[in-house]
Amino acid sequence: MQSHCSLREKQRQEREQLILKAAEEILLEKGYYETSMDEIAARVGIAKGTIYHHFPSKEELVAALITWNIEAALREVEAVVAADLTPSEKLDRLIEHVFTGIYSKRARLLSSIYNGVDIKRVFQEKEHGIKEKMDTLCRYTVEILEEGKRVGEFETSISTQAMMYAFFSLFSIRRYDAILLGGKEVPHRELFRQLRHIFLQGITRKQEPSDKE
């Protein structure tokens, strides 16, 4: 009986994954308003009613998709934090990961949906935990910064709070878009490289003459 229930649960999870993947593909192709539950069901090869067994509404489905993407990103961040790297290397990897995630077409679409449609209400009502997941990302970043201070890589004269503010300012999509609208003489990857350099140089501990002896 237990194995039968486990099999059914596994099948349910696999079906949910297929629904989420199909929803993501169609959202990228058509956008939120042009995406229908009928089309998602057709792409998965199931009845529309089956989708509603998993997700009561399109808003619920998109909220689950956003949560799914955040959880995947956090797993990658956890791998960076657990890696045998110096704090500077960890932070550099984390910046690269967040940048490639946030500025990907998929993540920008999900961000626009989250901020432009009444998805936030669904998160609040159903407690999908987006705040807790973002808090986890903040905690990991603080751990790296504090470790860097302890081992002498980062400036102790700069508060961790200020470092955190500067770190997350790197990933403001609105600010990024405003910069791009001002001119495209610098490719976005090069722009990011320069911003990353400014941030890392700003928090890196400068060696005193006695440090070099």
C-alpha atoms as a PDB file:
ATOM      1  CA  MET A   1       0.000   0.000   0.000  1.00  0.00           C
ATOM      2  CA  GLN A   2       2.787   2.355   0.933  1.00  0.00           C
ATOM      3  CA  SER A   3       4.684   1.719  -2.313  1.00  0.00           C
ATOM      4  CA  HIS A   4       1.454   2.257  -4.282  1.00  0.00           C
ATOM      5  CA  CYS A   5       0.935   5.635  -2.584  1.00  0.00           C
ATOM      6  CA  SER A   6       4.569   6.527  -3.178  1.00  0.00           C
ATOM      7  CA  LEU A   7       4.180   5.716  -6.870  1.00  0.00           C
ATOM      8  CA  ARG A   8       1.063   7.858  -7.125  1.00  0.00           C
ATOM      9  CA  GLU A   9       2.837  10.720  -5.383  1.00  0.00           C
ATOM     10  CA  LYS A  10       5.801  10.381  -7.733  1.00  0.00           C
ATOM     11  CA  GLN A  11       3.484  10.443 -10.725  1.00  0.00           C
ATOM     12  CA  ARG A  12       1.716  13.508  -9.324  1.00  0.00           C
ATOM     13  CA  GLN A  13       5.020  15.340  -8.895  1.00  0.00           C
ATOM     14  CA  GLU A  14       6.184  14.387 -12.375  1.00  0.00           C
ATOM     15  CA  ARG A  15       2.912  15.639 -13.857  1.00  0.00           C
ATOM     16  CA  GLU A  16       3.272  18.925 -11.986  1.00  0.00           C
ATOM     17  CA  GLN A  17       6.798  19.331 -13.370  1.00  0.00           C
ATOM     18  CA  LEU A  18       5.504  18.772 -16.913  1.00  0.00           C
ATOM     19  CA  ILE A  19       2.745  21.343 -16.378  1.00  0.00           C
ATOM     20  CA  LEU A  20       5.198  23.908 -15.017  1.00  0.00           C
ATOM     21  CA  LYS A  21       7.633  23.375 -17.880  1.00  0.00           C
ATOM     22  CA  ALA A  22       4.873  23.693 -20.480  1.00  0.00           C
ATOM     23  CA  ALA A  23       3.516  26.820 -18.783  1.00  0.00           C
ATOM     24  CA  GLU A  24       6.978  28.378 -18.779  1.00  0.00           C
ATOM     25  CA  GLU A  25       7.499  27.627 -22.484  1.00  0.00           C
ATOM     26  CA  ILE A  26       4.181  29.165 -23.488  1.00  0.00           C
ATOM     27  CA  LEU A  27       4.638  32.193 -21.230  1.00  0.00           C
ATOM     28  CA  LEU A  28       7.986  32.861 -22.909  1.00  0.00           C
ATOM     29  CA  GLU A  29       6.379  32.502 -26.329  1.00  0.00           C
ATOM     30  CA  LYS A  30       3.181  34.487 -25.763  1.00  0.00           C
ATOM     31  CA  GLY A  31       3.289  36.353 -22.462  1.00  0.00           C
ATOM     32  CA  TYR A  32       0.958  36.107 -19.480  1.00  0.00           C
ATOM     33  CA  TYR A  33      -2.315  37.346 -20.967  1.00  0.00           C
ATOM     34  CA  GLU A  34      -2.117  35.266 -24.142  1.00  0.00           C
ATOM     35  CA  THR A  35      -1.307  32.070 -22.241  1.00  0.00           C
ATOM     36  CA  SER A  36      -4.313  29.837 -21.621  1.00  0.00           C
ATOM     37  CA  MET A  37      -4.802  26.778 -19.456  1.00  0.00           C
ATOM     38  CA  ASP A  38      -6.222  24.996 -22.537  1.00  0.00           C
ATOM     39  CA  GLU A  39      -2.971  25.454 -24.427  1.00  0.00           C
ATOM     40  CA  ILE A  40      -0.880  24.335 -21.455  1.00  0.00           C
ATOM     41  CA  ALA A  41      -3.011  21.203 -21.109  1.00  0.00           C
ATOM     42  CA  ALA A  42      -2.718  20.483 -24.851  1.00  0.00           C
ATOM     43  CA  ARG A  43       1.061  20.796 -24.755  1.00  0.00           C
ATOM     44  CA  VAL A  44       1.327  18.411 -21.807  1.00  0.00           C
ATOM     45  CA  GLY A  45      -1.211  16.061 -23.386  1.00  0.00           C
ATOM     46  CA  ILE A  46      -3.716  16.067 -20.519  1.00  0.00           C
ATOM     47  CA  ALA A  47      -7.247  17.339 -19.945  1.00  0.00           C
ATOM     48  CA  LYS A  48      -7.597  20.919 -18.738  1.00  0.00           C
ATOM     49  CA  GLY A  49      -9.423  19.657 -15.672  1.00  0.00           C
ATOM     50  CA  THR A  50      -6.290  17.737 -14.667  1.00  0.00           C
ATOM     51  CA  ILE A  51      -4.362  20.995 -14.429  1.00  0.00           C
ATOM     52  CA  TYR A  52      -6.970  22.361 -12.043  1.00  0.00           C
ATOM     53  CA  HIS A  53      -6.417  19.362  -9.778  1.00  0.00           C
ATOM     54  CA  HIS A  54      -2.852  20.647  -9.333  1.00  0.00           C
ATOM     55  CA  PHE A  55      -3.348  24.408  -9.709  1.00  0.00           C
ATOM     56  CA  PRO A  56      -6.779  25.978  -8.994  1.00  0.00           C
ATOM     57  CA  SER A  57      -6.167  28.956 -11.315  1.00  0.00           C
ATOM     58  CA  LYS A  58      -3.711  30.444 -13.786  1.00  0.00           C
ATOM     59  CA  GLU A  59      -2.502  32.809 -11.059  1.00  0.00           C
ATOM     60  CA  GLU A  60      -1.800  29.833  -8.807  1.00  0.00           C
ATOM     61  CA  LEU A  61       0.065  28.098 -11.611  1.00  0.00           C
ATOM     62  CA  VAL A  62       2.254  31.124 -12.344  1.00  0.00           C
ATOM     63  CA  ALA A  63       2.913  31.656  -8.638  1.00  0.00           C
ATOM     64  CA  ALA A  64       4.049  28.036  -8.398  1.00  0.00           C
ATOM     65  CA  LEU A  65       6.249  28.553 -11.458  1.00  0.00           C
ATOM     66  CA  ILE A  66       7.938  31.577  -9.890  1.00  0.00           C
ATOM     67  CA  THR A  67       8.499  29.634  -6.668  1.00  0.00           C
ATOM     68  CA  TRP A  68       9.872  26.688  -8.669  1.00  0.00           C
ATOM     69  CA  ASN A  69      12.425  28.944 -10.382  1.00  0.00           C
ATOM     70  CA  ILE A  70      13.480  30.574  -7.116  1.00  0.00           C
ATOM     71  CA  GLU A  71      13.980  27.175  -5.481  1.00  0.00           C
ATOM     72  CA  ALA A  72      16.137  26.039  -8.413  1.00  0.00           C
ATOM     73  CA  ALA A  73      18.220  29.208  -8.132  1.00  0.00           C
ATOM     74  CA  LEU A  74      18.659  28.721  -4.393  1.00  0.00           C
ATOM     75  CA  ARG A  75      19.950  25.192  -4.927  1.00  0.00           C
ATOM     76  CA  GLU A  76      22.628  26.578  -7.210  1.00  0.00           C
ATOM     77  CA  VAL A  77      23.471  29.287  -4.673  1.00  0.00           C
ATOM     78  CA  GLU A  78      23.760  26.647  -1.944  1.00  0.00           C
ATOM     79  CA  ALA A  79      26.258  24.782  -4.126  1.00  0.00           C
ATOM     80  CA  VAL A  80      28.344  27.956  -4.430  1.00  0.00           C
ATOM     81  CA  VAL A  81      28.262  28.550  -0.668  1.00  0.00           C
ATOM     82  CA  ALA A  82      29.283  24.943   0.052  1.00  0.00           C
ATOM     83  CA  ALA A  83      32.116  24.932  -2.511  1.00  0.00           C
ATOM     84  CA  ASP A  84      35.756  24.904  -1.423  1.00  0.00           C
ATOM     85  CA  LEU A  85      36.412  28.494  -2.492  1.00  0.00           C
ATOM     86  CA  THR A  86      37.645  31.695  -0.891  1.00  0.00           C
ATOM     87  CA  PRO A  87      34.981  34.250   0.110  1.00  0.00           C
ATOM     88  CA  SER A  88      35.993  36.430  -2.856  1.00  0.00           C
ATOM     89  CA  GLU A  89      35.593  33.521  -5.251  1.00  0.00           C
ATOM     90  CA  LYS A  90      32.257  32.567  -3.735  1.00  0.00           C
ATOM     91  CA  LEU A  91      30.968  36.113  -4.021  1.00  0.00           C
ATOM     92  CA  ASP A  92      32.185  36.372  -7.601  1.00  0.00           C
ATOM     93  CA  ARG A  93      30.395  33.109  -8.491  1.00  0.00           C
ATOM     94  CA  LEU A  94      27.270  34.279  -6.679  1.00  0.00           C
ATOM     95  CA  ILE A  95      27.240  37.577  -8.562  1.00  0.00           C
ATOM     96  CA  GLU A  96      27.687  35.758 -11.861  1.00  0.00           C
ATOM     97  CA  HIS A  97      24.912  33.323 -10.996  1.00  0.00           C
ATOM     98  CA  VAL A  98      22.429  35.986  -9.898  1.00  0.00           C
ATOM     99  CA  PHE A  99      23.223  38.119 -12.928  1.00  0.00           C
ATOM    100  CA  THR A 100      22.765  35.342 -15.464  1.00  0.00           C
ATOM    101  CA  GLY A 101      19.575  34.311 -13.653  1.00  0.00           C
ATOM    102  CA  ILE A 102      17.988  37.722 -13.185  1.00  0.00           C
ATOM    103  CA  TYR A 103      18.832  39.050 -16.627  1.00  0.00           C
ATOM    104  CA  SER A 104      17.840  35.948 -18.532  1.00  0.00           C
ATOM    105  CA  LYS A 105      14.715  36.244 -20.681  1.00  0.00           C
ATOM    106  CA  ARG A 106      12.902  33.748 -18.468  1.00  0.00           C
ATOM    107  CA  ALA A 107      13.639  35.517 -15.194  1.00  0.00           C
ATOM    108  CA  ARG A 108      12.804  38.957 -16.579  1.00  0.00           C
ATOM    109  CA  LEU A 109       9.460  37.638 -17.807  1.00  0.00           C
ATOM    110  CA  LEU A 110       8.645  36.106 -14.425  1.00  0.00           C
ATOM    111  CA  SER A 111       9.703  39.308 -12.680  1.00  0.00           C
ATOM    112  CA  SER A 112       7.425  41.390 -14.910  1.00  0.00           C
ATOM    113  CA  ILE A 113       4.534  38.987 -14.231  1.00  0.00           C
ATOM    114  CA  TYR A 114       5.139  39.110 -10.490  1.00  0.00           C
ATOM    115  CA  ASN A 115       5.210  42.912 -10.462  1.00  0.00           C
ATOM    116  CA  GLY A 116       2.566  43.525 -13.108  1.00  0.00           C
ATOM    117  CA  VAL A 117      -0.176  41.011 -12.309  1.00  0.00           C
ATOM    118  CA  ASP A 118      -1.949  40.278  -9.044  1.00  0.00           C
ATOM    119  CA  ILE A 119       0.359  37.365  -8.288  1.00  0.00           C
ATOM    120  CA  LYS A 120       1.640  38.882  -5.044  1.00  0.00           C
ATOM    121  CA  ARG A 121      -1.806  38.392  -3.515  1.00  0.00           C
ATOM    122  CA  VAL A 122      -1.630  34.681  -4.334  1.00  0.00           C
ATOM    123  CA  PHE A 123       1.773  34.440  -2.652  1.00  0.00           C
ATOM    124  CA  GLN A 124       0.414  36.163   0.450  1.00  0.00           C
ATOM    125  CA  GLU A 125      -2.734  34.060   0.644  1.00  0.00           C
ATOM    126  CA  LYS A 126      -1.144  30.691  -0.102  1.00  0.00           C
ATOM    127  CA  GLU A 127       2.180  31.347   1.618  1.00  0.00           C
ATOM    128  CA  HIS A 128       4.353  30.189  -1.260  1.00  0.00           C
ATOM    129  CA  GLY A 129       7.279  31.487   0.773  1.00  0.00           C
ATOM    130  CA  ILE A 130       8.926  33.869  -1.681  1.00  0.00           C
ATOM    131  CA  LYS A 131       9.959  36.173   1.183  1.00  0.00           C
ATOM    132  CA  GLU A 132      11.537  33.291   3.082  1.00  0.00           C
ATOM    133  CA  LYS A 133      13.450  32.228  -0.027  1.00  0.00           C
ATOM    134  CA  MET A 134      14.747  35.746  -0.618  1.00  0.00           C
ATOM    135  CA  ASP A 135      15.695  35.918   3.058  1.00  0.00           C
ATOM    136  CA  THR A 136      17.689  32.725   2.539  1.00  0.00           C
ATOM    137  CA  LEU A 137      19.577  34.337  -0.355  1.00  0.00           C
ATOM    138  CA  CYS A 138      20.306  37.342   1.863  1.00  0.00           C
ATOM    139  CA  ARG A 139      21.540  35.066   4.663  1.00  0.00           C
ATOM    140  CA  TYR A 140      23.916  33.236   2.343  1.00  0.00           C
ATOM    141  CA  THR A 141      25.296  36.548   1.082  1.00  0.00           C
ATOM    142  CA  VAL A 142      25.820  37.829   4.627  1.00  0.00           C
ATOM    143  CA  GLU A 143      27.666  34.615   5.529  1.00  0.00           C
ATOM    144  CA  ILE A 144      30.074  35.091   2.612  1.00  0.00           C
ATOM    145  CA  LEU A 145      30.678  38.752   3.442  1.00  0.00           C
ATOM    146  CA  GLU A 146      31.252  38.056   7.125  1.00  0.00           C
ATOM    147  CA  GLU A 147      33.596  35.189   6.302  1.00  0.00           C
ATOM    148  CA  GLY A 148      35.521  37.491   3.978  1.00  0.00           C
ATOM    149  CA  LYS A 149      35.923  40.002   6.774  1.00  0.00           C
ATOM    150  CA  ARG A 150      37.124  37.337   9.215  1.00  0.00           C
ATOM    151  CA  VAL A 151      39.838  36.066   6.900  1.00  0.00           C
ATOM    152  CA  GLY A 152      40.960  39.559   5.889  1.00  0.00           C
ATOM    153  CA  GLU A 153      39.657  39.621   2.304  1.00  0.00           C
ATOM    154  CA  PHE A 154      36.971  42.285   2.760  1.00  0.00           C
ATOM    155  CA  GLU A 155      37.106  45.700   4.391  1.00  0.00           C
ATOM    156  CA  THR A 156      36.026  45.589   8.029  1.00  0.00           C
ATOM    157  CA  SER A 157      35.558  49.371   7.965  1.00  0.00           C
ATOM    158  CA  ILE A 158      32.570  48.923   5.626  1.00  0.00           C
ATOM    159  CA  SER A 159      29.447  47.599   7.320  1.00  0.00           C
ATOM    160  CA  THR A 160      27.953  44.371   6.066  1.00  0.00           C
ATOM    161  CA  GLN A 161      24.673  46.236   5.691  1.00  0.00           C
ATOM    162  CA  ALA A 162      26.286  48.704   3.271  1.00  0.00           C
ATOM    163  CA  MET A 163      27.883  45.836   1.341  1.00  0.00           C
ATOM    164  CA  MET A 164      24.509  44.112   1.100  1.00  0.00           C
ATOM    165  CA  TYR A 165      22.849  47.283  -0.186  1.00  0.00           C
ATOM    166  CA  ALA A 166      25.519  47.686  -2.854  1.00  0.00           C
ATOM    167  CA  PHE A 167      25.334  43.992  -3.752  1.00  0.00           C
ATOM    168  CA  PHE A 168      21.584  43.945  -4.379  1.00  0.00           C
ATOM    169  CA  SER A 169      21.752  47.304  -6.163  1.00  0.00           C
ATOM    170  CA  LEU A 170      23.702  45.470  -8.857  1.00  0.00           C
ATOM    171  CA  PHE A 171      20.575  43.512  -9.678  1.00  0.00           C
ATOM    172  CA  SER A 172      17.952  46.237  -9.918  1.00  0.00           C
ATOM    173  CA  ILE A 173      16.202  45.481 -13.198  1.00  0.00           C
ATOM    174  CA  ARG A 174      14.631  48.941 -13.382  1.00  0.00           C
ATOM    175  CA  ARG A 175      18.005  50.601 -12.879  1.00  0.00           C
ATOM    176  CA  TYR A 176      19.552  48.267 -15.426  1.00  0.00           C
ATOM    177  CA  ASP A 177      16.874  49.120 -17.993  1.00  0.00           C
ATOM    178  CA  ALA A 178      17.362  52.841 -17.338  1.00  0.00           C
ATOM    179  CA  ILE A 179      21.090  52.497 -18.043  1.00  0.00           C
ATOM    180  CA  LEU A 180      20.437  50.658 -21.288  1.00  0.00           C
ATOM    181  CA  LEU A 181      17.908  53.287 -22.414  1.00  0.00           C
ATOM    182  CA  GLY A 182      20.594  55.922 -21.910  1.00  0.00           C
ATOM    183  CA  GLY A 183      22.798  54.354 -24.577  1.00  0.00           C
ATOM    184  CA  LYS A 184      23.990  51.011 -25.880  1.00  0.00           C
ATOM    185  CA  GLU A 185      27.636  51.765 -26.483  1.00  0.00           C
ATOM    186  CA  VAL A 186      28.589  49.157 -23.853  1.00  0.00           C
ATOM    187  CA  PRO A 187      27.282  45.584 -24.371  1.00  0.00           C
ATOM    188  CA  HIS A 188      25.302  44.432 -21.343  1.00  0.00           C
ATOM    189  CA  ARG A 189      27.770  41.657 -20.483  1.00  0.00           C
ATOM    190  CA  GLU A 190      30.638  44.125 -20.476  1.00  0.00           C
ATOM    191  CA  LEU A 191      28.561  46.575 -18.451  1.00  0.00           C
ATOM    192  CA  PHE A 192      27.927  43.883 -15.897  1.00  0.00           C
ATOM    193  CA  ARG A 193      31.628  42.966 -15.788  1.00  0.00           C
ATOM    194  CA  GLN A 194      32.514  46.574 -15.031  1.00  0.00           C
ATOM    195  CA  LEU A 195      29.842  46.907 -12.323  1.00  0.00           C
ATOM    196  CA  ARG A 196      31.026  43.667 -10.732  1.00  0.00           C
ATOM    197  CA  HIS A 197      34.607  44.948 -10.789  1.00  0.00           C
ATOM    198  CA  ILE A 198      33.567  48.202  -9.092  1.00  0.00           C
ATOM    199  CA  PHE A 199      31.697  46.336  -6.355  1.00  0.00           C
ATOM    200  CA  LEU A 200      34.391  43.758  -5.618  1.00  0.00           C
ATOM    201  CA  GLN A 201      37.173  46.342  -5.667  1.00  0.00           C
ATOM    202  CA  GLY A 202      35.144  48.530  -3.361  1.00  0.00           C
ATOM    203  CA  ILE A 203      34.796  45.915  -0.611  1.00  0.00           C
ATOM    204  CA  THR A 204      38.180  44.204  -1.002  1.00  0.00           C
ATOM    205  CA  ARG A 205      40.611  44.963   1.801  1.00  0.00           C
ATOM    206  CA  LYS A 206      43.479  47.102   0.591  1.00  0.00           C
ATOM    207  CA  GLN A 207      46.851  45.810   1.699  1.00  0.00           C
ATOM    208  CA  GLU A 208      48.926  48.094   3.859  1.00  0.00           C
ATOM    209  CA  PRO A 209      52.690  48.277   3.216  1.00  0.00           C
ATOM    210  CA  SER A 210      53.270  46.059   6.256  1.00  0.00           C
ATOM    211  CA  ASP A 211      50.948  43.409   4.770  1.00  0.00           C
ATOM    212  CA  LYS A 212      53.252  42.975   1.781  1.00  0.00           C
ATOM    213  CA  GLU A 213      56.410  42.408   3.799  1.00  0.00           C
END
